[in-house]
Amino acid sequence: MSFEVIILPTALQDVQDAVDYYDEQSIGLGERFESELNEFLSTLGTNPFFQNRYDVVRCLPLKKFPFMVHFTVDEEKKQVVINAVFHTSLHPEIWKRNK
């Protein structure tokens, strides 16, 4: 069973902000972040049924970076919608306000 992964513009901005930050810290680190994220997005395309955290919002933490992918699953449309790529040190209420 394959799902289409859709990344909302706000989540794309989250990713770009993280890549920019990591590139400022060390050359190539942003690329490593993006590579790990892409692997996780590929996983979501084949198996999106991870833990529910906030009502219908599911989360998947990255392994090497302190970020969590927040997403919803539409089983009828076979879609995974990425709502945010959120740094785990930030309070989740910030993400809820920005939805």
PDB file of N, CA and C in Angstrom:
ATOM      1  N   MET A   1       0.844  -1.171   0.000  1.00  0.00           N
ATOM      2  CA  MET A   1       0.000   0.000   0.000  1.00  0.00           C
ATOM      3  C   MET A   1       0.895   1.241   0.000  1.00  0.00           C
ATOM      4  N   SER A   2       0.732   2.095  -0.986  1.00  0.00           N
ATOM      5  CA  SER A   2       1.565   3.275  -1.116  1.00  0.00           C
ATOM      6  C   SER A   2       0.728   4.538  -0.924  1.00  0.00           C
ATOM      7  N   PHE A   3       1.292   5.504  -0.214  1.00  0.00           N
ATOM      8  CA  PHE A   3       0.625   6.766   0.051  1.00  0.00           C
ATOM      9  C   PHE A   3       1.402   7.900  -0.610  1.00  0.00           C
ATOM     10  N   GLU A   4       0.670   8.883  -1.111  1.00  0.00           N
ATOM     11  CA  GLU A   4       1.282  10.098  -1.636  1.00  0.00           C
ATOM     12  C   GLU A   4       1.654  10.979  -0.441  1.00  0.00           C
ATOM     13  N   VAL A   5       2.879  11.478  -0.414  1.00  0.00           N
ATOM     14  CA  VAL A   5       3.322  12.362   0.662  1.00  0.00           C
ATOM     15  C   VAL A   5       3.248  13.801   0.157  1.00  0.00           C
ATOM     16  N   ILE A   6       2.456  14.611   0.863  1.00  0.00           N
ATOM     17  CA  ILE A   6       2.268  16.017   0.512  1.00  0.00           C
ATOM     18  C   ILE A   6       2.859  16.860   1.637  1.00  0.00           C
ATOM     19  N   ILE A   7       3.732  17.776   1.283  1.00  0.00           N
ATOM     20  CA  ILE A   7       4.365  18.634   2.286  1.00  0.00           C
ATOM     21  C   ILE A   7       3.760  20.029   2.157  1.00  0.00           C
ATOM     22  N   LEU A   8       3.116  20.483   3.222  1.00  0.00           N
ATOM     23  CA  LEU A   8       2.511  21.816   3.206  1.00  0.00           C
ATOM     24  C   LEU A   8       3.597  22.895   3.166  1.00  0.00           C
ATOM     25  N   PRO A   9       3.284  24.067   2.612  1.00  0.00           N
ATOM     26  CA  PRO A   9       4.278  25.142   2.519  1.00  0.00           C
ATOM     27  C   PRO A   9       4.892  25.519   3.867  1.00  0.00           C
ATOM     28  N   THR A  10       4.114  25.496   4.924  1.00  0.00           N
ATOM     29  CA  THR A  10       4.668  25.825   6.243  1.00  0.00           C
ATOM     30  C   THR A  10       5.694  24.785   6.677  1.00  0.00           C
ATOM     31  N   ALA A  11       5.461  23.526   6.347  1.00  0.00           N
ATOM     32  CA  ALA A  11       6.419  22.468   6.681  1.00  0.00           C
ATOM     33  C   ALA A  11       7.678  22.609   5.822  1.00  0.00           C
ATOM     34  N   LEU A  12       7.508  22.987   4.557  1.00  0.00           N
ATOM     35  CA  LEU A  12       8.680  23.235   3.703  1.00  0.00           C
ATOM     36  C   LEU A  12       9.541  24.351   4.275  1.00  0.00           C
ATOM     37  N   GLN A  13       8.883  25.373   4.823  1.00  0.00           N
ATOM     38  CA  GLN A  13       9.631  26.470   5.446  1.00  0.00           C
ATOM     39  C   GLN A  13      10.365  25.983   6.684  1.00  0.00           C
ATOM     40  N   ASP A  14       9.716  25.107   7.466  1.00  0.00           N
ATOM     41  CA  ASP A  14      10.389  24.499   8.627  1.00  0.00           C
ATOM     42  C   ASP A  14      11.668  23.793   8.197  1.00  0.00           C
ATOM     43  N   VAL A  15      11.566  23.026   7.120  1.00  0.00           N
ATOM     44  CA  VAL A  15      12.717  22.266   6.614  1.00  0.00           C
ATOM     45  C   VAL A  15      13.808  23.226   6.155  1.00  0.00           C
ATOM     46  N   GLN A  16      13.432  24.243   5.387  1.00  0.00           N
ATOM     47  CA  GLN A  16      14.425  25.194   4.887  1.00  0.00           C
ATOM     48  C   GLN A  16      15.118  25.920   6.036  1.00  0.00           C
ATOM     49  N   ASP A  17      14.353  26.308   7.054  1.00  0.00           N
ATOM     50  CA  ASP A  17      14.941  26.973   8.227  1.00  0.00           C
ATOM     51  C   ASP A  17      15.956  26.057   8.911  1.00  0.00           C
ATOM     52  N   ALA A  18      15.606  24.776   9.047  1.00  0.00           N
ATOM     53  CA  ALA A  18      16.511  23.820   9.689  1.00  0.00           C
ATOM     54  C   ALA A  18      17.770  23.611   8.848  1.00  0.00           C
ATOM     55  N   VAL A  19      17.599  23.459   7.537  1.00  0.00           N
ATOM     56  CA  VAL A  19      18.750  23.271   6.647  1.00  0.00           C
ATOM     57  C   VAL A  19      19.671  24.489   6.735  1.00  0.00           C
ATOM     58  N   ASP A  20      19.093  25.679   6.690  1.00  0.00           N
ATOM     59  CA  ASP A  20      19.901  26.902   6.775  1.00  0.00           C
ATOM     60  C   ASP A  20      20.661  26.960   8.100  1.00  0.00           C
ATOM     61  N   TYR A  21      19.976  26.639   9.182  1.00  0.00           N
ATOM     62  CA  TYR A  21      20.610  26.668  10.501  1.00  0.00           C
ATOM     63  C   TYR A  21      21.776  25.679  10.553  1.00  0.00           C
ATOM     64  N   TYR A  22      21.535  24.449  10.127  1.00  0.00           N
ATOM     65  CA  TYR A  22      22.588  23.436  10.190  1.00  0.00           C
ATOM     66  C   TYR A  22      23.752  23.766   9.269  1.00  0.00           C
ATOM     67  N   ASP A  23      23.482  24.361   8.100  1.00  0.00           N
ATOM     68  CA  ASP A  23      24.568  24.763   7.209  1.00  0.00           C
ATOM     69  C   ASP A  23      25.425  25.863   7.830  1.00  0.00           C
ATOM     70  N   GLU A  24      24.809  26.721   8.641  1.00  0.00           N
ATOM     71  CA  GLU A  24      25.582  27.753   9.349  1.00  0.00           C
ATOM     72  C   GLU A  24      26.494  27.120  10.399  1.00  0.00           C
ATOM     73  N   GLN A  25      26.057  26.000  10.973  1.00  0.00           N
ATOM     74  CA  GLN A  25      26.838  25.333  12.011  1.00  0.00           C
ATOM     75  C   GLN A  25      28.026  24.577  11.430  1.00  0.00           C
ATOM     76  N   SER A  26      27.803  23.901  10.305  1.00  0.00           N
ATOM     77  CA  SER A  26      28.855  23.102   9.687  1.00  0.00           C
ATOM     78  C   SER A  26      28.473  22.811   8.230  1.00  0.00           C
ATOM     79  N   ILE A  27      29.415  23.019   7.342  1.00  0.00           N
ATOM     80  CA  ILE A  27      29.153  22.776   5.924  1.00  0.00           C
ATOM     81  C   ILE A  27      28.764  21.308   5.724  1.00  0.00           C
ATOM     82  N   GLY A  28      27.648  21.097   5.043  1.00  0.00           N
ATOM     83  CA  GLY A  28      27.175  19.749   4.747  1.00  0.00           C
ATOM     84  C   GLY A  28      26.203  19.191   5.773  1.00  0.00           C
ATOM     85  N   LEU A  29      26.109  19.820   6.943  1.00  0.00           N
ATOM     86  CA  LEU A  29      25.207  19.316   7.975  1.00  0.00           C
ATOM     87  C   LEU A  29      23.744  19.490   7.562  1.00  0.00           C
ATOM     88  N   GLY A  30      23.430  20.582   6.893  1.00  0.00           N
ATOM     89  CA  GLY A  30      22.070  20.789   6.398  1.00  0.00           C
ATOM     90  C   GLY A  30      21.676  19.724   5.391  1.00  0.00           C
ATOM     91  N   GLU A  31      22.633  19.340   4.553  1.00  0.00           N
ATOM     92  CA  GLU A  31      22.373  18.288   3.569  1.00  0.00           C
ATOM     93  C   GLU A  31      22.130  16.951   4.265  1.00  0.00           C
ATOM     94  N   ARG A  32      22.871  16.676   5.334  1.00  0.00           N
ATOM     95  CA  ARG A  32      22.660  15.436   6.084  1.00  0.00           C
ATOM     96  C   ARG A  32      21.277  15.427   6.745  1.00  0.00           C
ATOM     97  N   PHE A  33      20.863  16.586   7.275  1.00  0.00           N
ATOM     98  CA  PHE A  33      19.528  16.703   7.856  1.00  0.00           C
ATOM     99  C   PHE A  33      18.470  16.404   6.801  1.00  0.00           C
ATOM    100  N   GLU A  34      18.606  17.045   5.648  1.00  0.00           N
ATOM    101  CA  GLU A  34      17.629  16.868   4.571  1.00  0.00           C
ATOM    102  C   GLU A  34      17.599  15.426   4.067  1.00  0.00           C
ATOM    103  N   SER A  35      18.747  14.790   4.014  1.00  0.00           N
ATOM    104  CA  SER A  35      18.825  13.398   3.573  1.00  0.00           C
ATOM    105  C   SER A  35      18.089  12.472   4.550  1.00  0.00           C
ATOM    106  N   GLU A  36      18.317  12.675   5.849  1.00  0.00           N
ATOM    107  CA  GLU A  36      17.613  11.847   6.838  1.00  0.00           C
ATOM    108  C   GLU A  36      16.108  12.094   6.770  1.00  0.00           C
ATOM    109  N   LEU A  37      15.719  13.345   6.631  1.00  0.00           N
ATOM    110  CA  LEU A  37      14.297  13.671   6.532  1.00  0.00           C
ATOM    111  C   LEU A  37      13.681  12.991   5.315  1.00  0.00           C
ATOM    112  N   ASN A  38      14.360  13.013   4.180  1.00  0.00           N
ATOM    113  CA  ASN A  38      13.836  12.385   2.964  1.00  0.00           C
ATOM    114  C   ASN A  38      13.649  10.883   3.148  1.00  0.00           C
ATOM    115  N   GLU A  39      14.560  10.242   3.861  1.00  0.00           N
ATOM    116  CA  GLU A  39      14.409   8.816   4.151  1.00  0.00           C
ATOM    117  C   GLU A  39      13.153   8.563   4.987  1.00  0.00           C
ATOM    118  N   PHE A  40      12.916   9.418   5.974  1.00  0.00           N
ATOM    119  CA  PHE A  40      11.738   9.260   6.820  1.00  0.00           C
ATOM    120  C   PHE A  40      10.462   9.520   6.028  1.00  0.00           C
ATOM    121  N   LEU A  41      10.490  10.493   5.116  1.00  0.00           N
ATOM    122  CA  LEU A  41       9.313  10.762   4.288  1.00  0.00           C
ATOM    123  C   LEU A  41       9.019   9.577   3.377  1.00  0.00           C
ATOM    124  N   SER A  42      10.046   8.928   2.902  1.00  0.00           N
ATOM    125  CA  SER A  42       9.868   7.727   2.092  1.00  0.00           C
ATOM    126  C   SER A  42       9.206   6.620   2.925  1.00  0.00           C
ATOM    127  N   THR A  43       9.629   6.497   4.173  1.00  0.00           N
ATOM    128  CA  THR A  43       9.019   5.523   5.079  1.00  0.00           C
ATOM    129  C   THR A  43       7.546   5.825   5.272  1.00  0.00           C
ATOM    130  N   LEU A  44       7.204   7.093   5.421  1.00  0.00           N
ATOM    131  CA  LEU A  44       5.798   7.471   5.599  1.00  0.00           C
ATOM    132  C   LEU A  44       4.971   7.116   4.375  1.00  0.00           C
ATOM    133  N   GLY A  45       5.576   7.151   3.208  1.00  0.00           N
ATOM    134  CA  GLY A  45       4.862   6.791   1.998  1.00  0.00           C
ATOM    135  C   GLY A  45       4.463   5.326   1.958  1.00  0.00           C
ATOM    136  N   THR A  46       5.206   4.487   2.660  1.00  0.00           N
ATOM    137  CA  THR A  46       4.888   3.057   2.675  1.00  0.00           C
ATOM    138  C   THR A  46       4.199   2.624   3.965  1.00  0.00           C
ATOM    139  N   ASN A  47       4.490   3.309   5.082  1.00  0.00           N
ATOM    140  CA  ASN A  47       3.890   2.943   6.362  1.00  0.00           C
ATOM    141  C   ASN A  47       3.679   4.196   7.211  1.00  0.00           C
ATOM    142  N   PRO A  48       2.533   4.865   7.063  1.00  0.00           N
ATOM    143  CA  PRO A  48       2.321   6.122   7.781  1.00  0.00           C
ATOM    144  C   PRO A  48       1.648   5.973   9.158  1.00  0.00           C
ATOM    145  N   PHE A  49       1.439   4.756   9.601  1.00  0.00           N
ATOM    146  CA  PHE A  49       0.615   4.574  10.796  1.00  0.00           C
ATOM    147  C   PHE A  49       1.438   4.561  12.077  1.00  0.00           C
ATOM    148  N   PHE A  50       2.064   5.708  12.344  1.00  0.00           N
ATOM    149  CA  PHE A  50       2.813   5.883  13.573  1.00  0.00           C
ATOM    150  C   PHE A  50       1.893   6.492  14.624  1.00  0.00           C
ATOM    151  N   GLN A  51       2.422   6.666  15.782  1.00  0.00           N
ATOM    152  CA  GLN A  51       1.682   7.101  16.958  1.00  0.00           C
ATOM    153  C   GLN A  51       0.898   8.403  16.765  1.00  0.00           C
ATOM    154  N   ASN A  52      -0.369   8.391  17.207  1.00  0.00           N
ATOM    155  CA  ASN A  52      -1.159   9.620  17.270  1.00  0.00           C
ATOM    156  C   ASN A  52      -0.690  10.418  18.475  1.00  0.00           C
ATOM    157  N   ARG A  53      -0.477  11.716  18.290  1.00  0.00           N
ATOM    158  CA  ARG A  53      -0.045  12.567  19.380  1.00  0.00           C
ATOM    159  C   ARG A  53      -1.101  13.600  19.759  1.00  0.00           C
ATOM    160  N   TYR A  54      -1.669  14.244  18.760  1.00  0.00           N
ATOM    161  CA  TYR A  54      -2.606  15.344  18.994  1.00  0.00           C
ATOM    162  C   TYR A  54      -3.845  15.084  18.151  1.00  0.00           C
ATOM    163  N   ASP A  55      -4.844  14.480  18.744  1.00  0.00           N
ATOM    164  CA  ASP A  55      -6.067  14.107  18.034  1.00  0.00           C
ATOM    165  C   ASP A  55      -5.725  13.228  16.825  1.00  0.00           C
ATOM    166  N   VAL A  56      -5.788  13.789  15.630  1.00  0.00           N
ATOM    167  CA  VAL A  56      -5.514  13.010  14.421  1.00  0.00           C
ATOM    168  C   VAL A  56      -4.089  13.199  13.908  1.00  0.00           C
ATOM    169  N   VAL A  57      -3.317  14.038  14.570  1.00  0.00           N
ATOM    170  CA  VAL A  57      -1.953  14.311  14.134  1.00  0.00           C
ATOM    171  C   VAL A  57      -1.019  13.217  14.663  1.00  0.00           C
ATOM    172  N   ARG A  58      -0.253  12.666  13.755  1.00  0.00           N
ATOM    173  CA  ARG A  58       0.726  11.634  14.097  1.00  0.00           C
ATOM    174  C   ARG A  58       2.120  12.257  14.069  1.00  0.00           C
ATOM    175  N   CYS A  59       3.057  11.609  14.731  1.00  0.00           N
ATOM    176  CA  CYS A  59       4.420  12.138  14.805  1.00  0.00           C
ATOM    177  C   CYS A  59       5.438  11.043  14.555  1.00  0.00           C
ATOM    178  N   LEU A  60       6.537  11.448  13.943  1.00  0.00           N
ATOM    179  CA  LEU A  60       7.649  10.542  13.710  1.00  0.00           C
ATOM    180  C   LEU A  60       8.937  11.318  13.994  1.00  0.00           C
ATOM    181  N   PRO A  61       9.674  10.928  15.036  1.00  0.00           N
ATOM    182  CA  PRO A  61      10.924  11.637  15.335  1.00  0.00           C
ATOM    183  C   PRO A  61      12.055  11.190  14.418  1.00  0.00           C
ATOM    184  N   LEU A  62      12.886  12.148  14.032  1.00  0.00           N
ATOM    185  CA  LEU A  62      14.103  11.799  13.310  1.00  0.00           C
ATOM    186  C   LEU A  62      15.078  11.169  14.308  1.00  0.00           C
ATOM    187  N   LYS A  63      15.971  10.340  13.832  1.00  0.00           N
ATOM    188  CA  LYS A  63      16.885   9.640  14.736  1.00  0.00           C
ATOM    189  C   LYS A  63      18.106  10.475  15.116  1.00  0.00           C
ATOM    190  N   LYS A  64      18.690  11.169  14.154  1.00  0.00           N
ATOM    191  CA  LYS A  64      19.957  11.856  14.403  1.00  0.00           C
ATOM    192  C   LYS A  64      19.809  13.346  14.665  1.00  0.00           C
ATOM    193  N   PHE A  65      18.637  13.887  14.437  1.00  0.00           N
ATOM    194  CA  PHE A  65      18.403  15.316  14.624  1.00  0.00           C
ATOM    195  C   PHE A  65      17.196  15.499  15.540  1.00  0.00           C
ATOM    196  N   PRO A  66      17.185  16.554  16.360  1.00  0.00           N
ATOM    197  CA  PRO A  66      16.091  16.742  17.324  1.00  0.00           C
ATOM    198  C   PRO A  66      14.843  17.359  16.689  1.00  0.00           C
ATOM    199  N   PHE A  67      14.302  16.680  15.692  1.00  0.00           N
ATOM    200  CA  PHE A  67      13.109  17.142  15.003  1.00  0.00           C
ATOM    201  C   PHE A  67      12.076  16.030  14.956  1.00  0.00           C
ATOM    202  N   MET A  68      10.815  16.449  14.902  1.00  0.00           N
ATOM    203  CA  MET A  68       9.722  15.501  14.795  1.00  0.00           C
ATOM    204  C   MET A  68       8.836  15.936  13.627  1.00  0.00           C
ATOM    205  N   VAL A  69       8.488  14.981  12.783  1.00  0.00           N
ATOM    206  CA  VAL A  69       7.610  15.239  11.648  1.00  0.00           C
ATOM    207  C   VAL A  69       6.167  15.063  12.140  1.00  0.00           C
ATOM    208  N   HIS A  70       5.352  16.106  11.990  1.00  0.00           N
ATOM    209  CA  HIS A  70       3.940  16.075  12.375  1.00  0.00           C
ATOM    210  C   HIS A  70       3.121  15.921  11.096  1.00  0.00           C
ATOM    211  N   PHE A  71       2.234  14.929  11.075  1.00  0.00           N
ATOM    212  CA  PHE A  71       1.511  14.652   9.839  1.00  0.00           C
ATOM    213  C   PHE A  71       0.142  14.049  10.127  1.00  0.00           C
ATOM    214  N   THR A  72      -0.705  14.083   9.102  1.00  0.00           N
ATOM    215  CA  THR A  72      -2.011  13.428   9.159  1.00  0.00           C
ATOM    216  C   THR A  72      -2.082  12.427   8.013  1.00  0.00           C
ATOM    217  N   VAL A  73      -2.964  11.452   8.179  1.00  0.00           N
ATOM    218  CA  VAL A  73      -3.129  10.404   7.176  1.00  0.00           C
ATOM    219  C   VAL A  73      -4.580  10.402   6.707  1.00  0.00           C
ATOM    220  N   ASP A  74      -4.775  10.467   5.399  1.00  0.00           N
ATOM    221  CA  ASP A  74      -6.096  10.323   4.805  1.00  0.00           C
ATOM    222  C   ASP A  74      -6.105   8.975   4.096  1.00  0.00           C
ATOM    223  N   GLU A  75      -6.700   7.982   4.758  1.00  0.00           N
ATOM    224  CA  GLU A  75      -6.679   6.625   4.205  1.00  0.00           C
ATOM    225  C   GLU A  75      -7.483   6.508   2.919  1.00  0.00           C
ATOM    226  N   GLU A  76      -8.585   7.261   2.811  1.00  0.00           N
ATOM    227  CA  GLU A  76      -9.412   7.189   1.603  1.00  0.00           C
ATOM    228  C   GLU A  76      -8.663   7.698   0.381  1.00  0.00           C
ATOM    229  N   LYS A  77      -7.971   8.833   0.538  1.00  0.00           N
ATOM    230  CA  LYS A  77      -7.228   9.423  -0.581  1.00  0.00           C
ATOM    231  C   LYS A  77      -5.816   8.856  -0.707  1.00  0.00           C
ATOM    232  N   LYS A  78      -5.417   8.028   0.256  1.00  0.00           N
ATOM    233  CA  LYS A  78      -4.059   7.457   0.269  1.00  0.00           C
ATOM    234  C   LYS A  78      -3.011   8.573   0.270  1.00  0.00           C
ATOM    235  N   GLN A  79      -3.209   9.530   1.215  1.00  0.00           N
ATOM    236  CA  GLN A  79      -2.301  10.670   1.313  1.00  0.00           C
ATOM    237  C   GLN A  79      -1.783  10.823   2.737  1.00  0.00           C
ATOM    238  N   VAL A  80      -0.533  11.224   2.824  1.00  0.00           N
ATOM    239  CA  VAL A  80       0.087  11.640   4.079  1.00  0.00           C
ATOM    240  C   VAL A  80       0.398  13.119   3.910  1.00  0.00           C
ATOM    241  N   VAL A  81      -0.132  13.950   4.799  1.00  0.00           N
ATOM    242  CA  VAL A  81       0.081  15.392   4.705  1.00  0.00           C
ATOM    243  C   VAL A  81       1.023  15.816   5.831  1.00  0.00           C
ATOM    244  N   ILE A  82       2.188  16.324   5.445  1.00  0.00           N
ATOM    245  CA  ILE A  82       3.172  16.800   6.408  1.00  0.00           C
ATOM    246  C   ILE A  82       2.777  18.225   6.792  1.00  0.00           C
ATOM    247  N   ASN A  83       2.440  18.390   8.082  1.00  0.00           N
ATOM    248  CA  ASN A  83       1.995  19.693   8.586  1.00  0.00           C
ATOM    249  C   ASN A  83       3.135  20.538   9.131  1.00  0.00           C
ATOM    250  N   ALA A  84       4.127  19.875   9.717  1.00  0.00           N
ATOM    251  CA  ALA A  84       5.245  20.597  10.322  1.00  0.00           C
ATOM    252  C   ALA A  84       6.427  19.655  10.486  1.00  0.00           C
ATOM    253  N   VAL A  85       7.607  20.251  10.494  1.00  0.00           N
ATOM    254  CA  VAL A  85       8.830  19.549  10.867  1.00  0.00           C
ATOM    255  C   VAL A  85       9.373  20.372  12.024  1.00  0.00           C
ATOM    256  N   PHE A  86       9.108  19.875  13.220  1.00  0.00           N
ATOM    257  CA  PHE A  86       9.168  20.679  14.425  1.00  0.00           C
ATOM    258  C   PHE A  86      10.356  20.305  15.299  1.00  0.00           C
ATOM    259  N   HIS A  87      11.129  21.295  15.719  1.00  0.00           N
ATOM    260  CA  HIS A  87      12.245  21.052  16.632  1.00  0.00           C
ATOM    261  C   HIS A  87      11.679  20.615  17.980  1.00  0.00           C
ATOM    262  N   THR A  88      12.206  19.544  18.524  1.00  0.00           N
ATOM    263  CA  THR A  88      11.616  18.949  19.728  1.00  0.00           C
ATOM    264  C   THR A  88      11.798  19.785  20.988  1.00  0.00           C
ATOM    265  N   SER A  89      12.659  20.799  20.958  1.00  0.00           N
ATOM    266  CA  SER A  89      12.804  21.642  22.143  1.00  0.00           C
ATOM    267  C   SER A  89      11.735  22.734  22.201  1.00  0.00           C
ATOM    268  N   LEU A  90      10.986  22.907  21.121  1.00  0.00           N
ATOM    269  CA  LEU A  90       9.917  23.901  21.105  1.00  0.00           C
ATOM    270  C   LEU A  90       8.649  23.316  21.681  1.00  0.00           C
ATOM    271  N   HIS A  91       7.875  24.147  22.322  1.00  0.00           N
ATOM    272  CA  HIS A  91       6.627  23.701  22.949  1.00  0.00           C
ATOM    273  C   HIS A  91       5.581  23.434  21.865  1.00  0.00           C
ATOM    274  N   PRO A  92       4.860  22.300  21.938  1.00  0.00           N
ATOM    275  CA  PRO A  92       3.887  21.954  20.889  1.00  0.00           C
ATOM    276  C   PRO A  92       2.759  22.971  20.728  1.00  0.00           C
ATOM    277  N   GLU A  93       2.483  23.761  21.750  1.00  0.00           N
ATOM    278  CA  GLU A  93       1.437  24.781  21.626  1.00  0.00           C
ATOM    279  C   GLU A  93       1.793  25.803  20.545  1.00  0.00           C
ATOM    280  N   ILE A  94       3.079  26.040  20.325  1.00  0.00           N
ATOM    281  CA  ILE A  94       3.503  26.971  19.273  1.00  0.00           C
ATOM    282  C   ILE A  94       3.043  26.443  17.922  1.00  0.00           C
ATOM    283  N   TRP A  95       3.227  25.133  17.690  1.00  0.00           N
ATOM    284  CA  TRP A  95       2.811  24.545  16.419  1.00  0.00           C
ATOM    285  C   TRP A  95       1.293  24.618  16.270  1.00  0.00           C
ATOM    286  N   LYS A  96       0.555  24.348  17.332  1.00  0.00           N
ATOM    287  CA  LYS A  96      -0.907  24.367  17.258  1.00  0.00           C
ATOM    288  C   LYS A  96      -1.397  25.767  16.893  1.00  0.00           C
ATOM    289  N   ARG A  97      -0.753  26.807  17.414  1.00  0.00           N
ATOM    290  CA  ARG A  97      -1.172  28.188  17.104  1.00  0.00           C
ATOM    291  C   ARG A  97      -0.888  28.534  15.659  1.00  0.00           C
ATOM    292  N   ASN A  98       0.148  27.942  15.086  1.00  0.00           N
ATOM    293  CA  ASN A  98       0.551  28.286  13.728  1.00  0.00           C
ATOM    294  C   ASN A  98      -0.164  27.454  12.665  1.00  0.00           C
ATOM    295  N   LYS A  99      -1.017  26.522  13.045  1.00  0.00           N
ATOM    296  CA  LYS A  99      -1.701  25.674  12.068  1.00  0.00           C
ATOM    297  C   LYS A  99      -2.669  26.480  11.234  1.00  0.00           C
TER     298      LYS A  99
END
